[in-house]
Amino acid sequence: MCVGLSVKVLSVDKDTMIVDSGGAKRKVSAALLNDLRPGDYVMVHAGAAISKITDDDADESSSVWESFK
């Protein structure tokens, strides 16, 4: 099973970005997506942002993860 995490973009620098994943800051690749800005939400898999998502998508994803705790 493949799992992607919804994260909030904190900063973007060329093909990398810093994201917030549940309070943990991580550096991930932004090479697959265009026009990312701080405040955007993205789905990350294997260290790369694979899709831009909406705030509602991020909230739903977080709710699902919380149900497993």
Protein backbone atom coordinates (compact mmCIF):
# COMPACT_ATOMS: atom_id res chain seq x y z
CA MET A 1 0.00 0.00 0.00
CA CYS A 2 1.27 3.48 -0.87
CA VAL A 3 0.55 6.32 1.50
CA GLY A 4 0.73 10.03 0.80
CA LEU A 5 0.72 12.69 3.49
CA SER A 6 -1.08 16.00 3.22
CA VAL A 7 1.22 18.83 4.30
CA LYS A 8 1.27 22.63 4.34
CA VAL A 9 3.94 24.44 2.32
CA LEU A 10 6.00 26.79 4.48
CA SER A 11 8.58 27.96 1.93
CA VAL A 12 9.66 27.20 -1.64
CA ASP A 13 13.19 27.49 -3.05
CA LYS A 14 13.55 26.37 -6.67
CA ASP A 15 12.85 22.60 -6.74
CA THR A 16 12.67 22.08 -2.97
CA MET A 17 10.36 23.25 -0.24
CA ILE A 18 9.93 23.13 3.50
CA VAL A 19 6.61 21.71 4.63
CA ASP A 20 4.80 21.27 7.94
CA SER A 21 3.68 17.70 8.58
CA GLY A 22 1.78 17.65 11.86
CA GLY A 23 4.23 20.06 13.45
CA ALA A 24 7.35 18.41 11.99
CA LYS A 25 9.24 20.45 9.42
CA ARG A 26 10.54 18.50 6.42
CA LYS A 27 12.41 19.29 3.23
CA VAL A 28 10.79 17.71 0.15
CA SER A 29 11.10 17.92 -3.62
CA ALA A 30 8.87 20.37 -5.47
CA ALA A 31 10.20 19.38 -8.91
CA LEU A 32 6.96 17.70 -10.07
CA LEU A 33 4.68 20.68 -9.44
CA ASN A 34 4.53 24.26 -10.68
CA ASP A 35 3.46 27.49 -9.02
CA LEU A 36 3.63 26.43 -5.36
CA ARG A 37 3.42 29.11 -2.70
CA PRO A 38 3.62 29.21 1.09
CA GLY A 39 0.21 28.36 2.52
CA ASP A 40 -0.62 25.84 -0.23
CA TYR A 41 -1.36 22.24 0.69
CA VAL A 42 0.20 19.33 -1.18
CA MET A 43 0.21 15.55 -1.06
CA VAL A 44 3.72 14.15 -0.46
CA HIS A 45 4.87 10.63 -1.25
CA ALA A 46 8.44 9.28 -1.05
CA GLY A 47 9.90 12.73 -0.40
CA ALA A 48 8.24 14.46 -3.35
CA ALA A 49 5.15 16.65 -3.64
CA ILE A 50 2.92 14.78 -6.09
CA SER A 51 -0.27 16.86 -6.11
CA LYS A 52 -1.60 20.21 -4.99
CA ILE A 53 -4.72 19.77 -2.84
CA THR A 54 -7.38 22.01 -1.31
CA ASP A 55 -7.66 23.00 2.35
CA ASP A 56 -10.73 20.74 2.61
CA ASP A 57 -8.75 17.78 1.21
CA ALA A 58 -6.02 18.39 3.79
CA ASP A 59 -8.58 18.55 6.62
CA GLU A 60 -10.21 15.31 5.47
CA SER A 61 -6.85 13.56 5.20
CA SER A 62 -5.89 14.69 8.71
CA SER A 63 -9.19 13.41 10.09
CA VAL A 64 -8.60 9.99 8.53
CA TRP A 65 -5.08 9.80 10.02
CA GLU A 66 -6.43 10.78 13.46
CA SER A 67 -8.95 7.93 13.34
CA PHE A 68 -6.03 5.44 13.24
CA LYS A 69 -4.47 6.71 16.47
